[in-house]
């Protein structure tokens, strides 16, 4: 749940900063990585339940969303000027 909370908060920050094109690309990348991870896990591990595979793929999806959101937020041209405020 903490990962989901972080991703949803980051979504709100990026939406408030009107970073919609970035969010669309980020979600496309995250969805693709999540789908590939599901297919890879599902084809290589037939011993566990498919529900476990779905939850694992959702975890991967949220991890990639969190990483891409963090990259954008700490970017020097991002909506939060973290590095510029630390340099002063």
C-alpha atoms as a PDB file:
ATOM      1  CA  UNK A   1       0.000   0.000   0.000  1.00  0.00           C
ATOM      2  CA  UNK A   2       2.772   2.551   0.626  1.00  0.00           C
ATOM      3  CA  UNK A   3       3.959   2.119  -2.963  1.00  0.00           C
ATOM      4  CA  UNK A   4       0.439   2.725  -4.282  1.00  0.00           C
ATOM      5  CA  UNK A   5       0.062   5.797  -2.073  1.00  0.00           C
ATOM      6  CA  UNK A   6       3.346   7.208  -3.360  1.00  0.00           C
ATOM      7  CA  UNK A   7       2.402   6.574  -6.998  1.00  0.00           C
ATOM      8  CA  UNK A   8      -1.022   8.193  -6.592  1.00  0.00           C
ATOM      9  CA  UNK A   9       0.476  11.211  -4.810  1.00  0.00           C
ATOM     10  CA  UNK A  10       3.085  11.557  -7.540  1.00  0.00           C
ATOM     11  CA  UNK A  11       0.300  11.337 -10.138  1.00  0.00           C
ATOM     12  CA  UNK A  12      -1.453  14.223  -8.406  1.00  0.00           C
ATOM     13  CA  UNK A  13       1.705  16.333  -8.361  1.00  0.00           C
ATOM     14  CA  UNK A  14       2.409  15.669 -12.034  1.00  0.00           C
ATOM     15  CA  UNK A  15      -1.215  16.339 -13.008  1.00  0.00           C
ATOM     16  CA  UNK A  16      -1.168  19.584 -11.056  1.00  0.00           C
ATOM     17  CA  UNK A  17       1.950  20.567 -12.998  1.00  0.00           C
ATOM     18  CA  UNK A  18       0.178  19.699 -16.290  1.00  0.00           C
ATOM     19  CA  UNK A  19       2.668  16.970 -17.157  1.00  0.00           C
ATOM     20  CA  UNK A  20       0.022  14.989 -19.041  1.00  0.00           C
ATOM     21  CA  UNK A  21       2.179  13.993 -22.061  1.00  0.00           C
ATOM     22  CA  UNK A  22       4.854  12.643 -19.726  1.00  0.00           C
ATOM     23  CA  UNK A  23       2.261  10.728 -17.717  1.00  0.00           C
ATOM     24  CA  UNK A  24       0.804   9.182 -20.871  1.00  0.00           C
ATOM     25  CA  UNK A  25       4.236   7.982 -22.025  1.00  0.00           C
ATOM     26  CA  UNK A  26       5.092   6.811 -18.527  1.00  0.00           C
ATOM     27  CA  UNK A  27       1.874   4.802 -18.248  1.00  0.00           C
ATOM     28  CA  UNK A  28       2.402   3.247 -21.690  1.00  0.00           C
ATOM     29  CA  UNK A  29       5.911   2.174 -20.654  1.00  0.00           C
ATOM     30  CA  UNK A  30       4.694   0.912 -17.282  1.00  0.00           C
ATOM     31  CA  UNK A  31       1.832  -1.020 -18.855  1.00  0.00           C
ATOM     32  CA  UNK A  32       4.142  -2.630 -21.389  1.00  0.00           C
ATOM     33  CA  UNK A  33       6.655  -3.642 -18.713  1.00  0.00           C
ATOM     34  CA  UNK A  34       3.837  -4.975 -16.514  1.00  0.00           C
ATOM     35  CA  UNK A  35       2.352  -7.002 -19.373  1.00  0.00           C
ATOM     36  CA  UNK A  36       5.724  -8.440 -20.366  1.00  0.00           C
ATOM     37  CA  UNK A  37       6.471  -9.333 -16.754  1.00  0.00           C
ATOM     38  CA  UNK A  38       3.118 -11.112 -16.450  1.00  0.00           C
ATOM     39  CA  UNK A  39       3.705 -13.072 -19.631  1.00  0.00           C
ATOM     40  CA  UNK A  40       7.250 -13.986 -18.577  1.00  0.00           C
ATOM     41  CA  UNK A  41       6.209 -15.060 -15.082  1.00  0.00           C
ATOM     42  CA  UNK A  42       3.173 -16.954 -16.363  1.00  0.00           C
ATOM     43  CA  UNK A  43       5.139 -18.883 -18.987  1.00  0.00           C
ATOM     44  CA  UNK A  44       8.045 -19.777 -16.665  1.00  0.00           C
ATOM     45  CA  UNK A  45       6.200 -20.641 -13.452  1.00  0.00           C
ATOM     46  CA  UNK A  46       3.324 -23.061 -13.751  1.00  0.00           C
ATOM     47  CA  UNK A  47       3.541 -24.208 -10.131  1.00  0.00           C
ATOM     48  CA  UNK A  48       1.843 -21.195  -8.528  1.00  0.00           C
ATOM     49  CA  UNK A  49      -1.594 -19.701  -9.048  1.00  0.00           C
ATOM     50  CA  UNK A  50      -2.281 -17.311 -11.892  1.00  0.00           C
ATOM     51  CA  UNK A  51      -3.597 -14.866  -9.296  1.00  0.00           C
ATOM     52  CA  UNK A  52      -0.080 -14.690  -7.836  1.00  0.00           C
ATOM     53  CA  UNK A  53       1.230 -13.883 -11.308  1.00  0.00           C
ATOM     54  CA  UNK A  54      -1.330 -11.091 -11.728  1.00  0.00           C
ATOM     55  CA  UNK A  55      -0.415  -9.531  -8.374  1.00  0.00           C
ATOM     56  CA  UNK A  56       3.293  -9.771  -9.170  1.00  0.00           C
ATOM     57  CA  UNK A  57       2.738  -8.055 -12.515  1.00  0.00           C
ATOM     58  CA  UNK A  58       0.719  -5.320 -10.780  1.00  0.00           C
ATOM     59  CA  UNK A  59       3.596  -4.816  -8.361  1.00  0.00           C
ATOM     60  CA  UNK A  60       5.971  -4.439 -11.305  1.00  0.00           C
ATOM     61  CA  UNK A  61       3.565  -1.973 -12.944  1.00  0.00           C
ATOM     62  CA  UNK A  62       3.443   0.190  -9.809  1.00  0.00           C
ATOM     63  CA  UNK A  63       7.217   0.002  -9.336  1.00  0.00           C
ATOM     64  CA  UNK A  64       7.829   1.271 -12.862  1.00  0.00           C
ATOM     65  CA  UNK A  65       5.225   4.012 -12.373  1.00  0.00           C
ATOM     66  CA  UNK A  66       6.931   5.029  -9.133  1.00  0.00           C
ATOM     67  CA  UNK A  67      10.366   5.075 -10.737  1.00  0.00           C
ATOM     68  CA  UNK A  68       9.268   7.110 -13.752  1.00  0.00           C
ATOM     69  CA  UNK A  69       7.368   9.582 -11.556  1.00  0.00           C
ATOM     70  CA  UNK A  70      10.375   9.993  -9.275  1.00  0.00           C
ATOM     71  CA  UNK A  71      12.667  10.583 -12.241  1.00  0.00           C
ATOM     72  CA  UNK A  72      10.385  13.338 -13.517  1.00  0.00           C
ATOM     73  CA  UNK A  73       9.900  14.972 -10.134  1.00  0.00           C
ATOM     74  CA  UNK A  74      13.613  15.169  -9.339  1.00  0.00           C
ATOM     75  CA  UNK A  75      14.533  16.295 -12.849  1.00  0.00           C
ATOM     76  CA  UNK A  76      15.947  19.812 -12.983  1.00  0.00           C
ATOM     77  CA  UNK A  77      13.072  20.767 -15.304  1.00  0.00           C
ATOM     78  CA  UNK A  78      10.485  18.859 -13.264  1.00  0.00           C
ATOM     79  CA  UNK A  79       7.545  20.303 -11.373  1.00  0.00           C
ATOM     80  CA  UNK A  80       9.366  20.253  -8.033  1.00  0.00           C
ATOM     81  CA  UNK A  81      12.655  22.101  -8.021  1.00  0.00           C
ATOM     82  CA  UNK A  82      14.285  19.808  -5.452  1.00  0.00           C
ATOM     83  CA  UNK A  83      17.869  20.120  -6.678  1.00  0.00           C
ATOM     84  CA  UNK A  84      17.677  23.870  -7.224  1.00  0.00           C
ATOM     85  CA  UNK A  85      16.388  24.436  -3.714  1.00  0.00           C
ATOM     86  CA  UNK A  86      19.161  22.270  -2.238  1.00  0.00           C
ATOM     87  CA  UNK A  87      21.891  24.166  -4.111  1.00  0.00           C
ATOM     88  CA  UNK A  88      21.021  27.478  -2.464  1.00  0.00           C
END
